[in-house]
Amino acid sequence: MDDILAEVKRSLEIESDEKLDSQLKDFINRISKQLCVRLGFLTKVPDDLNYIVVECAIKRFNRKGNEGMASYAQEGETISYGNLLDEFMDDIVAYKENEKSKCVPRRGVMTVI
């Protein structure tokens, strides 16, 4: 998680701050749990999909103060919020299909002597 936290902080240009670190860790934990559920109740996010956690943590941080809103409008500017992981559903499905193809049992030939 430290690598993910460091990447999120670099992307957001945040210096060390214990309060923000705790908040970002909470975001990372919740997003990781949501992603694990969508991946079929895995216990850990696969390393290949950590970028999803990073991107969603950044999005979640930028939403602070607008929790629960579907959209926000002010002076001609409109912001719409979707579910954090929806943008990555194609990636999640592709990962699951790839993992499934690795687990297909092969039929062997048995010879009785």
Protein backbone atom coordinates (compact mmCIF):
# COMPACT_ATOMS: atom_id res chain seq x y z
CA MET A 1 0.00 0.00 0.00
CA ASP A 2 2.91 2.35 0.60
CA ASP A 3 3.78 2.31 -3.12
CA ILE A 4 0.21 3.18 -4.03
CA LEU A 5 0.07 5.93 -1.39
CA ALA A 6 3.35 7.40 -2.66
CA GLU A 7 2.12 7.38 -6.26
CA VAL A 8 -1.17 9.04 -5.31
CA LYS A 9 0.67 11.73 -3.34
CA ARG A 10 3.07 12.39 -6.24
CA SER A 11 0.16 12.69 -8.65
CA LEU A 12 -1.66 15.10 -6.36
CA GLU A 13 1.58 16.96 -5.55
CA ILE A 14 1.05 16.43 -1.82
CA GLU A 15 3.92 16.62 0.65
CA SER A 16 3.99 14.44 3.77
CA ASP A 17 1.07 15.22 6.00
CA GLU A 18 -0.10 12.64 8.55
CA LYS A 19 -3.73 13.74 8.38
CA LEU A 20 -3.83 13.54 4.58
CA ASP A 21 -1.86 10.28 4.61
CA SER A 22 -4.50 8.72 6.88
CA GLN A 23 -7.30 9.97 4.69
CA LEU A 24 -5.64 8.75 1.50
CA LYS A 25 -4.99 5.34 3.09
CA ASP A 26 -8.70 5.13 3.95
CA PHE A 27 -9.60 5.93 0.32
CA ILE A 28 -7.10 3.35 -0.94
CA ASN A 29 -8.42 0.67 1.44
CA ARG A 30 -12.06 1.22 0.49
CA ILE A 31 -11.33 1.31 -3.24
CA SER A 32 -9.20 -1.84 -2.95
CA LYS A 33 -12.05 -3.65 -1.18
CA GLN A 34 -14.55 -2.55 -3.83
CA LEU A 35 -12.23 -3.69 -6.60
CA CYS A 36 -11.66 -7.05 -4.90
CA VAL A 37 -15.43 -7.60 -4.80
CA ARG A 38 -15.76 -6.80 -8.51
CA LEU A 39 -12.91 -9.21 -9.24
CA GLY A 40 -14.77 -12.08 -7.60
CA PHE A 41 -14.09 -11.50 -3.90
CA LEU A 42 -10.33 -11.66 -4.07
CA THR A 43 -8.40 -10.99 -0.87
CA LYS A 44 -5.88 -8.65 -2.51
CA VAL A 45 -5.82 -6.44 -5.59
CA PRO A 46 -3.53 -7.99 -8.20
CA ASP A 47 -0.42 -5.88 -8.87
CA ASP A 48 -1.46 -5.53 -12.52
CA LEU A 49 -4.55 -3.59 -11.41
CA ASN A 50 -2.98 -1.26 -8.84
CA TYR A 51 -3.25 1.57 -11.37
CA ILE A 52 -7.03 1.41 -10.94
CA VAL A 53 -6.67 1.95 -7.20
CA VAL A 54 -4.33 4.89 -7.81
CA GLU A 55 -6.64 6.56 -10.34
CA CYS A 56 -9.74 6.04 -8.20
CA ALA A 57 -8.00 7.33 -5.06
CA ILE A 58 -7.07 10.51 -6.94
CA LYS A 59 -10.66 10.90 -8.16
CA ARG A 60 -12.00 10.27 -4.66
CA PHE A 61 -9.63 12.83 -3.14
CA ASN A 62 -10.74 15.42 -5.69
CA ARG A 63 -14.37 14.76 -4.74
CA LYS A 64 -13.84 15.67 -1.10
CA GLY A 65 -16.69 17.84 0.09
CA ASN A 66 -19.00 16.59 -2.66
CA GLU A 67 -19.68 13.13 -1.24
CA GLY A 68 -22.99 11.69 -2.30
CA MET A 69 -23.52 14.14 -5.16
CA ALA A 70 -24.31 12.88 -8.64
CA SER A 71 -23.58 16.26 -10.19
CA TYR A 72 -22.65 19.81 -9.28
CA ALA A 73 -23.30 23.03 -11.19
CA GLN A 74 -22.16 26.58 -10.56
CA GLU A 75 -21.89 29.59 -12.87
CA GLY A 76 -22.16 27.58 -16.08
CA GLU A 77 -19.80 24.82 -14.94
CA THR A 78 -21.25 21.36 -14.44
CA ILE A 79 -19.45 18.40 -12.90
CA SER A 80 -20.94 14.91 -13.01
CA TYR A 81 -19.77 12.11 -10.76
CA GLY A 82 -20.08 8.46 -11.69
CA ASN A 83 -19.15 5.46 -9.62
CA LEU A 84 -15.40 5.40 -9.22
CA LEU A 85 -14.81 1.96 -10.70
CA ASP A 86 -17.28 2.20 -13.60
CA GLU A 87 -14.68 3.78 -15.88
CA PHE A 88 -12.50 0.69 -15.43
CA MET A 89 -15.11 -2.03 -15.99
CA ASP A 90 -13.64 -2.99 -19.37
CA ASP A 91 -10.24 -3.46 -17.71
CA ILE A 92 -11.78 -5.48 -14.87
CA VAL A 93 -13.68 -7.73 -17.27
CA ALA A 94 -10.57 -8.23 -19.43
CA TYR A 95 -8.53 -9.18 -16.36
CA LYS A 96 -11.18 -11.67 -15.19
CA GLU A 97 -11.41 -13.24 -18.63
CA ASN A 98 -7.63 -13.55 -18.82
CA GLU A 99 -7.51 -15.21 -15.41
CA LYS A 100 -10.35 -17.54 -16.34
CA SER A 101 -8.53 -18.64 -19.51
CA LYS A 102 -5.49 -19.56 -17.42
CA CYS A 103 -7.63 -21.89 -15.28
CA VAL A 104 -9.25 -23.91 -18.07
CA PRO A 105 -8.53 -27.56 -17.36
CA ARG A 106 -6.82 -29.45 -20.13
CA ARG A 107 -8.04 -32.82 -21.19
CA GLY A 108 -5.42 -35.49 -21.08
CA VAL A 109 -5.17 -38.94 -22.50
CA MET A 110 -5.04 -41.92 -20.21
CA THR A 111 -3.57 -45.18 -21.35
CA VAL A 112 -4.33 -48.39 -19.48
CA ILE A 113 -1.68 -51.04 -19.65
